[in-house]
Amino acid sequence: MIGVWTDEPYLPRTLKYLRTFKYKFISSNNIVMCGDFNIDVGNDSNEKDKDMFVRILRNYGYESIYHHFKKEKIGEESIDTFHRYDGDFHIDYLFAKPELITSFDVGSRIEYANNEDNHSDHVPLIFEIDI
């Protein structure tokens, strides 16, 4: 499992990582990449880089598990994963080969992101792996 948190500039850093480590990690059959990519594919401005980001992963058989289970197109998400005063965004992802993931869900905003304890402004991606 590769945990992800990307700093600015978000998309270029993620692409650099994918290009650098794609042969070492991504070509493996059992890698799961999950976390805060800080990339809102539906709203980030650089269309070419967004397409490349998804294309690199798909070339190795990886899919966004959210989109696979929810049957939604990338950039047209019905559930946001990050909630902030200036808007809500889908910036957290789980990328894996779909056959590895047996169940998937997104944690409740009320339970995780809008509670009085204010633990996080993100909701969890909840999944089970079959390895």
N, C-alpha and C. Protein backbone atom coordinates (compact mmCIF):
# COMPACT_ATOMS: atom_id res chain seq x y z
N MET A 1 0.85 -1.16 0.00
CA MET A 1 0.00 0.00 0.00
C MET A 1 0.89 1.23 0.00
N ILE A 2 0.56 2.16 -0.84
CA ILE A 2 1.26 3.44 -0.92
C ILE A 2 0.30 4.52 -0.45
N GLY A 3 0.64 5.17 0.65
CA GLY A 3 -0.16 6.29 1.15
C GLY A 3 0.28 7.56 0.43
N VAL A 4 -0.69 8.38 0.08
CA VAL A 4 -0.40 9.57 -0.73
C VAL A 4 -0.87 10.83 -0.02
N TRP A 5 -0.03 11.83 0.02
CA TRP A 5 -0.39 13.20 0.32
C TRP A 5 0.51 14.06 -0.54
N THR A 6 -0.09 14.83 -1.42
CA THR A 6 0.66 15.62 -2.38
C THR A 6 0.65 17.09 -2.00
N ASP A 7 1.81 17.71 -2.04
CA ASP A 7 1.95 19.14 -1.78
C ASP A 7 1.92 19.89 -3.11
N GLU A 8 1.83 21.21 -3.05
CA GLU A 8 1.80 22.02 -4.27
C GLU A 8 3.13 21.97 -5.00
N PRO A 9 3.15 22.07 -6.29
CA PRO A 9 2.01 22.01 -7.21
C PRO A 9 1.52 20.57 -7.34
N TYR A 10 0.28 20.33 -7.02
CA TYR A 10 -0.27 19.00 -6.81
C TYR A 10 -0.14 18.07 -8.02
N LEU A 11 -0.73 18.46 -9.12
CA LEU A 11 -0.74 17.58 -10.29
C LEU A 11 0.66 17.34 -10.86
N PRO A 12 1.49 18.37 -11.05
CA PRO A 12 2.85 18.11 -11.55
C PRO A 12 3.66 17.19 -10.63
N ARG A 13 3.52 17.34 -9.32
CA ARG A 13 4.26 16.47 -8.40
C ARG A 13 3.79 15.02 -8.51
N THR A 14 2.49 14.84 -8.62
CA THR A 14 1.95 13.49 -8.75
C THR A 14 2.42 12.85 -10.04
N LEU A 15 2.39 13.60 -11.13
CA LEU A 15 2.86 13.07 -12.42
C LEU A 15 4.34 12.72 -12.35
N LYS A 16 5.13 13.56 -11.70
CA LYS A 16 6.56 13.27 -11.57
C LYS A 16 6.77 11.97 -10.80
N TYR A 17 6.03 11.78 -9.72
CA TYR A 17 6.13 10.55 -8.94
C TYR A 17 5.76 9.34 -9.79
N LEU A 18 4.64 9.44 -10.50
CA LEU A 18 4.20 8.31 -11.33
C LEU A 18 5.23 7.96 -12.39
N ARG A 19 5.80 8.97 -13.02
CA ARG A 19 6.81 8.72 -14.05
C ARG A 19 8.08 8.11 -13.45
N THR A 20 8.47 8.57 -12.27
CA THR A 20 9.70 8.11 -11.64
C THR A 20 9.58 6.69 -11.12
N PHE A 21 8.44 6.37 -10.53
CA PHE A 21 8.32 5.09 -9.83
C PHE A 21 7.39 4.09 -10.50
N LYS A 22 6.94 4.39 -11.71
CA LYS A 22 5.95 3.50 -12.31
C LYS A 22 6.48 2.09 -12.52
N TYR A 23 7.73 1.94 -12.85
CA TYR A 23 8.26 0.60 -13.07
C TYR A 23 8.54 -0.12 -11.76
N LYS A 24 8.90 0.63 -10.74
CA LYS A 24 9.22 0.02 -9.45
C LYS A 24 7.98 -0.43 -8.69
N PHE A 25 6.95 0.41 -8.66
CA PHE A 25 5.77 0.11 -7.87
C PHE A 25 4.53 -0.20 -8.70
N ILE A 26 4.22 0.66 -9.63
CA ILE A 26 2.95 0.57 -10.33
C ILE A 26 2.83 -0.69 -11.17
N SER A 27 3.95 -1.21 -11.65
CA SER A 27 3.88 -2.41 -12.47
C SER A 27 3.59 -3.67 -11.64
N SER A 28 3.60 -3.56 -10.32
CA SER A 28 3.25 -4.68 -9.44
C SER A 28 1.74 -4.92 -9.49
N ASN A 29 1.34 -6.16 -9.29
CA ASN A 29 -0.08 -6.49 -9.33
C ASN A 29 -0.82 -6.19 -8.04
N ASN A 30 -0.11 -6.02 -6.94
CA ASN A 30 -0.78 -5.91 -5.65
C ASN A 30 -0.63 -4.55 -4.98
N ILE A 31 -0.37 -3.52 -5.72
CA ILE A 31 -0.20 -2.19 -5.13
C ILE A 31 -1.55 -1.48 -5.05
N VAL A 32 -1.77 -0.84 -3.91
CA VAL A 32 -2.94 0.01 -3.70
C VAL A 32 -2.40 1.39 -3.35
N MET A 33 -2.83 2.41 -4.09
CA MET A 33 -2.42 3.79 -3.82
C MET A 33 -3.64 4.54 -3.33
N CYS A 34 -3.54 5.09 -2.14
CA CYS A 34 -4.72 5.71 -1.55
C CYS A 34 -4.31 6.94 -0.76
N GLY A 35 -5.14 7.98 -0.85
CA GLY A 35 -4.89 9.15 -0.03
C GLY A 35 -5.35 10.44 -0.64
N ASP A 36 -4.76 11.50 -0.12
CA ASP A 36 -5.09 12.87 -0.50
C ASP A 36 -4.16 13.30 -1.64
N PHE A 37 -4.63 13.10 -2.86
CA PHE A 37 -3.85 13.48 -4.03
C PHE A 37 -3.92 14.99 -4.27
N ASN A 38 -4.86 15.68 -3.62
CA ASN A 38 -5.07 17.11 -3.82
C ASN A 38 -5.31 17.46 -5.28
N ILE A 39 -5.92 16.55 -6.00
CA ILE A 39 -6.24 16.78 -7.41
C ILE A 39 -7.73 16.62 -7.60
N ASP A 40 -8.39 17.70 -7.99
CA ASP A 40 -9.81 17.65 -8.32
C ASP A 40 -9.88 17.55 -9.83
N VAL A 41 -9.92 16.33 -10.32
CA VAL A 41 -9.82 16.09 -11.76
C VAL A 41 -10.90 16.85 -12.52
N GLY A 42 -12.06 17.03 -11.93
CA GLY A 42 -13.13 17.75 -12.61
C GLY A 42 -12.92 19.24 -12.68
N ASN A 43 -12.05 19.80 -11.83
CA ASN A 43 -11.90 21.25 -11.77
C ASN A 43 -10.48 21.76 -12.00
N ASP A 44 -9.47 20.91 -11.87
CA ASP A 44 -8.11 21.39 -12.10
C ASP A 44 -7.97 21.84 -13.55
N SER A 45 -7.15 22.84 -13.77
CA SER A 45 -7.15 23.53 -15.05
C SER A 45 -6.40 22.82 -16.17
N ASN A 46 -5.38 22.05 -15.89
CA ASN A 46 -4.55 21.50 -16.95
C ASN A 46 -5.11 20.17 -17.46
N GLU A 47 -5.91 20.24 -18.49
CA GLU A 47 -6.59 19.08 -19.06
C GLU A 47 -5.60 18.00 -19.52
N LYS A 48 -4.50 18.39 -20.14
CA LYS A 48 -3.51 17.43 -20.64
C LYS A 48 -2.90 16.62 -19.49
N ASP A 49 -2.53 17.30 -18.40
CA ASP A 49 -1.94 16.61 -17.26
C ASP A 49 -2.95 15.70 -16.57
N LYS A 50 -4.20 16.14 -16.47
CA LYS A 50 -5.23 15.29 -15.85
C LYS A 50 -5.41 14.01 -16.64
N ASP A 51 -5.47 14.13 -17.94
CA ASP A 51 -5.62 12.94 -18.79
C ASP A 51 -4.42 12.03 -18.65
N MET A 52 -3.22 12.60 -18.58
CA MET A 52 -2.01 11.80 -18.45
C MET A 52 -1.99 11.06 -17.11
N PHE A 53 -2.41 11.73 -16.05
CA PHE A 53 -2.47 11.14 -14.72
C PHE A 53 -3.31 9.86 -14.74
N VAL A 54 -4.50 9.94 -15.28
CA VAL A 54 -5.40 8.78 -15.35
C VAL A 54 -4.88 7.75 -16.34
N ARG A 55 -4.35 8.21 -17.46
CA ARG A 55 -3.87 7.29 -18.51
C ARG A 55 -2.69 6.44 -18.03
N ILE A 56 -1.74 7.05 -17.30
CA ILE A 56 -0.60 6.28 -16.79
C ILE A 56 -1.09 5.14 -15.91
N LEU A 57 -2.02 5.44 -15.02
CA LEU A 57 -2.53 4.41 -14.12
C LEU A 57 -3.32 3.35 -14.88
N ARG A 58 -4.16 3.77 -15.80
CA ARG A 58 -4.95 2.80 -16.56
C ARG A 58 -4.08 1.90 -17.43
N ASN A 59 -2.97 2.42 -17.93
CA ASN A 59 -2.07 1.60 -18.74
C ASN A 59 -1.54 0.41 -17.97
N TYR A 60 -1.51 0.51 -16.65
CA TYR A 60 -1.04 -0.59 -15.81
C TYR A 60 -2.21 -1.35 -15.17
N GLY A 61 -3.42 -1.07 -15.60
CA GLY A 61 -4.59 -1.79 -15.11
C GLY A 61 -5.20 -1.22 -13.85
N TYR A 62 -4.75 -0.03 -13.42
CA TYR A 62 -5.29 0.60 -12.22
C TYR A 62 -6.48 1.47 -12.58
N GLU A 63 -7.45 1.47 -11.68
CA GLU A 63 -8.63 2.31 -11.85
C GLU A 63 -8.87 3.07 -10.55
N SER A 64 -9.59 4.17 -10.66
CA SER A 64 -10.10 4.82 -9.46
C SER A 64 -11.22 3.93 -8.95
N ILE A 65 -11.04 3.38 -7.76
CA ILE A 65 -12.01 2.44 -7.22
C ILE A 65 -13.33 3.13 -6.91
N TYR A 66 -13.29 4.38 -6.51
CA TYR A 66 -14.53 5.14 -6.34
C TYR A 66 -15.35 5.08 -7.62
N HIS A 67 -14.73 5.42 -8.73
CA HIS A 67 -15.45 5.49 -10.00
C HIS A 67 -15.87 4.11 -10.48
N HIS A 68 -15.06 3.11 -10.20
CA HIS A 68 -15.39 1.74 -10.57
C HIS A 68 -16.65 1.26 -9.83
N PHE A 69 -16.70 1.49 -8.52
CA PHE A 69 -17.84 1.02 -7.72
C PHE A 69 -19.06 1.90 -7.89
N LYS A 70 -18.87 3.20 -8.00
CA LYS A 70 -20.01 4.13 -8.09
C LYS A 70 -20.53 4.29 -9.52
N LYS A 71 -19.80 3.76 -10.49
CA LYS A 71 -20.19 3.85 -11.91
C LYS A 71 -20.36 5.31 -12.35
N GLU A 72 -19.41 6.15 -11.93
CA GLU A 72 -19.41 7.56 -12.31
C GLU A 72 -18.16 7.86 -13.13
N LYS A 73 -18.25 8.89 -13.94
CA LYS A 73 -17.10 9.32 -14.73
C LYS A 73 -16.18 10.18 -13.87
N ILE A 74 -14.89 10.10 -14.15
CA ILE A 74 -13.92 10.94 -13.46
C ILE A 74 -14.22 12.40 -13.81
N GLY A 75 -14.31 13.22 -12.77
CA GLY A 75 -14.66 14.63 -12.95
C GLY A 75 -16.14 14.91 -12.76
N GLU A 76 -16.95 13.85 -12.60
CA GLU A 76 -18.40 14.01 -12.41
C GLU A 76 -18.86 13.30 -11.14
N GLU A 77 -18.10 13.44 -10.07
CA GLU A 77 -18.37 12.74 -8.82
C GLU A 77 -19.59 13.31 -8.10
N SER A 78 -20.40 12.43 -7.54
CA SER A 78 -21.57 12.86 -6.78
C SER A 78 -21.26 12.99 -5.29
N ILE A 79 -20.11 12.49 -4.86
CA ILE A 79 -19.72 12.56 -3.45
C ILE A 79 -18.35 13.25 -3.35
N ASP A 80 -18.28 14.29 -2.54
CA ASP A 80 -17.02 14.98 -2.31
C ASP A 80 -16.28 14.32 -1.15
N THR A 81 -14.95 14.41 -1.18
CA THR A 81 -14.15 13.79 -0.13
C THR A 81 -13.46 14.83 0.76
N PHE A 82 -13.51 16.09 0.38
CA PHE A 82 -12.85 17.16 1.12
C PHE A 82 -13.84 18.30 1.27
N HIS A 83 -13.97 18.80 2.50
CA HIS A 83 -14.97 19.83 2.78
C HIS A 83 -14.29 21.01 3.47
N ARG A 84 -14.46 22.18 2.85
CA ARG A 84 -13.81 23.38 3.36
C ARG A 84 -14.79 24.55 3.22
N TYR A 85 -14.51 25.63 3.92
CA TYR A 85 -15.38 26.80 3.92
C TYR A 85 -15.64 27.35 2.52
N ASP A 86 -14.69 27.19 1.60
CA ASP A 86 -14.84 27.77 0.26
C ASP A 86 -15.29 26.75 -0.79
N GLY A 87 -15.67 25.57 -0.36
CA GLY A 87 -16.18 24.61 -1.32
C GLY A 87 -15.87 23.17 -0.93
N ASP A 88 -16.49 22.28 -1.66
CA ASP A 88 -16.30 20.85 -1.46
C ASP A 88 -15.70 20.27 -2.73
N PHE A 89 -14.78 19.32 -2.56
CA PHE A 89 -14.03 18.80 -3.70
C PHE A 89 -13.83 17.29 -3.56
N HIS A 90 -13.63 16.65 -4.68
CA HIS A 90 -13.28 15.23 -4.70
C HIS A 90 -11.78 15.16 -5.00
N ILE A 91 -10.96 15.04 -3.95
CA ILE A 91 -9.50 15.07 -4.13
C ILE A 91 -8.80 13.86 -3.53
N ASP A 92 -9.57 12.97 -2.93
CA ASP A 92 -9.00 11.76 -2.33
C ASP A 92 -9.34 10.58 -3.23
N TYR A 93 -8.37 9.73 -3.45
CA TYR A 93 -8.56 8.62 -4.39
C TYR A 93 -7.98 7.33 -3.84
N LEU A 94 -8.53 6.25 -4.34
CA LEU A 94 -7.98 4.92 -4.15
C LEU A 94 -7.79 4.35 -5.54
N PHE A 95 -6.54 4.10 -5.91
CA PHE A 95 -6.24 3.48 -7.20
C PHE A 95 -5.73 2.08 -6.95
N ALA A 96 -6.32 1.12 -7.64
CA ALA A 96 -5.92 -0.28 -7.51
C ALA A 96 -6.45 -1.02 -8.73
N LYS A 97 -6.03 -2.25 -8.86
CA LYS A 97 -6.62 -3.12 -9.87
C LYS A 97 -7.96 -3.57 -9.29
N PRO A 98 -9.06 -3.33 -10.01
CA PRO A 98 -10.39 -3.56 -9.45
C PRO A 98 -10.61 -4.95 -8.85
N GLU A 99 -9.95 -5.95 -9.38
CA GLU A 99 -10.16 -7.30 -8.85
C GLU A 99 -9.61 -7.49 -7.43
N LEU A 100 -8.78 -6.57 -6.96
CA LEU A 100 -8.25 -6.64 -5.60
C LEU A 100 -9.22 -6.12 -4.55
N ILE A 101 -10.17 -5.28 -4.95
CA ILE A 101 -11.04 -4.60 -4.00
C ILE A 101 -12.40 -5.29 -3.97
N THR A 102 -12.79 -5.77 -2.79
CA THR A 102 -14.06 -6.50 -2.68
C THR A 102 -15.22 -5.61 -2.24
N SER A 103 -14.93 -4.52 -1.55
CA SER A 103 -15.99 -3.58 -1.19
C SER A 103 -15.38 -2.18 -1.06
N PHE A 104 -16.24 -1.18 -1.26
CA PHE A 104 -15.77 0.20 -1.22
C PHE A 104 -16.91 1.11 -0.80
N ASP A 105 -16.59 2.11 0.00
CA ASP A 105 -17.57 3.14 0.34
C ASP A 105 -16.81 4.41 0.76
N VAL A 106 -17.53 5.50 0.80
CA VAL A 106 -16.99 6.78 1.25
C VAL A 106 -17.64 7.08 2.59
N GLY A 107 -16.83 7.44 3.58
CA GLY A 107 -17.35 7.75 4.91
C GLY A 107 -18.28 8.95 4.88
N SER A 108 -19.16 9.01 5.85
CA SER A 108 -20.17 10.06 5.96
C SER A 108 -19.53 11.40 6.33
N ARG A 109 -19.94 12.43 5.62
CA ARG A 109 -19.45 13.78 5.91
C ARG A 109 -19.88 14.20 7.32
N ILE A 110 -21.10 13.89 7.68
CA ILE A 110 -21.61 14.27 9.01
C ILE A 110 -20.80 13.58 10.10
N GLU A 111 -20.50 12.31 9.90
CA GLU A 111 -19.79 11.54 10.91
C GLU A 111 -18.31 11.92 11.01
N TYR A 112 -17.68 12.23 9.90
CA TYR A 112 -16.23 12.41 9.90
C TYR A 112 -15.75 13.84 9.70
N ALA A 113 -16.39 14.62 8.85
CA ALA A 113 -15.84 15.92 8.48
C ALA A 113 -16.56 17.10 9.10
N ASN A 114 -17.76 16.92 9.54
CA ASN A 114 -18.51 18.05 10.11
C ASN A 114 -18.87 17.81 11.57
N ASN A 115 -18.08 17.06 12.27
CA ASN A 115 -18.42 16.78 13.66
C ASN A 115 -17.82 17.84 14.58
N GLU A 116 -18.30 17.87 15.80
CA GLU A 116 -17.84 18.91 16.73
C GLU A 116 -16.37 18.76 17.11
N ASP A 117 -15.84 17.55 17.00
CA ASP A 117 -14.43 17.34 17.30
C ASP A 117 -13.52 17.79 16.16
N ASN A 118 -14.10 17.97 14.97
CA ASN A 118 -13.38 18.47 13.80
C ASN A 118 -12.08 17.71 13.56
N HIS A 119 -12.18 16.38 13.52
CA HIS A 119 -11.00 15.54 13.33
C HIS A 119 -10.33 15.77 11.98
N SER A 120 -11.13 15.99 10.96
CA SER A 120 -10.56 16.14 9.62
C SER A 120 -11.53 16.88 8.72
N ASP A 121 -11.00 17.46 7.67
CA ASP A 121 -11.85 18.05 6.65
C ASP A 121 -12.01 17.08 5.47
N HIS A 122 -11.49 15.87 5.62
CA HIS A 122 -11.63 14.81 4.62
C HIS A 122 -12.51 13.70 5.20
N VAL A 123 -13.18 12.99 4.32
CA VAL A 123 -13.89 11.78 4.75
C VAL A 123 -13.04 10.57 4.35
N PRO A 124 -13.15 9.47 5.07
CA PRO A 124 -12.34 8.30 4.73
C PRO A 124 -12.87 7.55 3.52
N LEU A 125 -11.96 6.92 2.81
CA LEU A 125 -12.31 5.95 1.78
C LEU A 125 -12.20 4.59 2.46
N ILE A 126 -13.29 3.86 2.49
CA ILE A 126 -13.36 2.61 3.24
C ILE A 126 -13.41 1.46 2.25
N PHE A 127 -12.48 0.51 2.38
CA PHE A 127 -12.43 -0.58 1.40
C PHE A 127 -11.88 -1.85 2.02
N GLU A 128 -12.18 -2.96 1.36
CA GLU A 128 -11.62 -4.25 1.73
C GLU A 128 -10.83 -4.78 0.55
N ILE A 129 -9.70 -5.42 0.87
CA ILE A 129 -8.80 -5.94 -0.15
C ILE A 129 -8.82 -7.46 -0.12
N ASP A 130 -8.81 -8.06 -1.29
CA ASP A 130 -8.72 -9.51 -1.41
C ASP A 130 -7.35 -9.85 -1.98
N ILE A 131 -6.42 -10.25 -1.09
CA ILE A 131 -5.09 -10.65 -1.56
C ILE A 131 -4.74 -12.05 -1.09
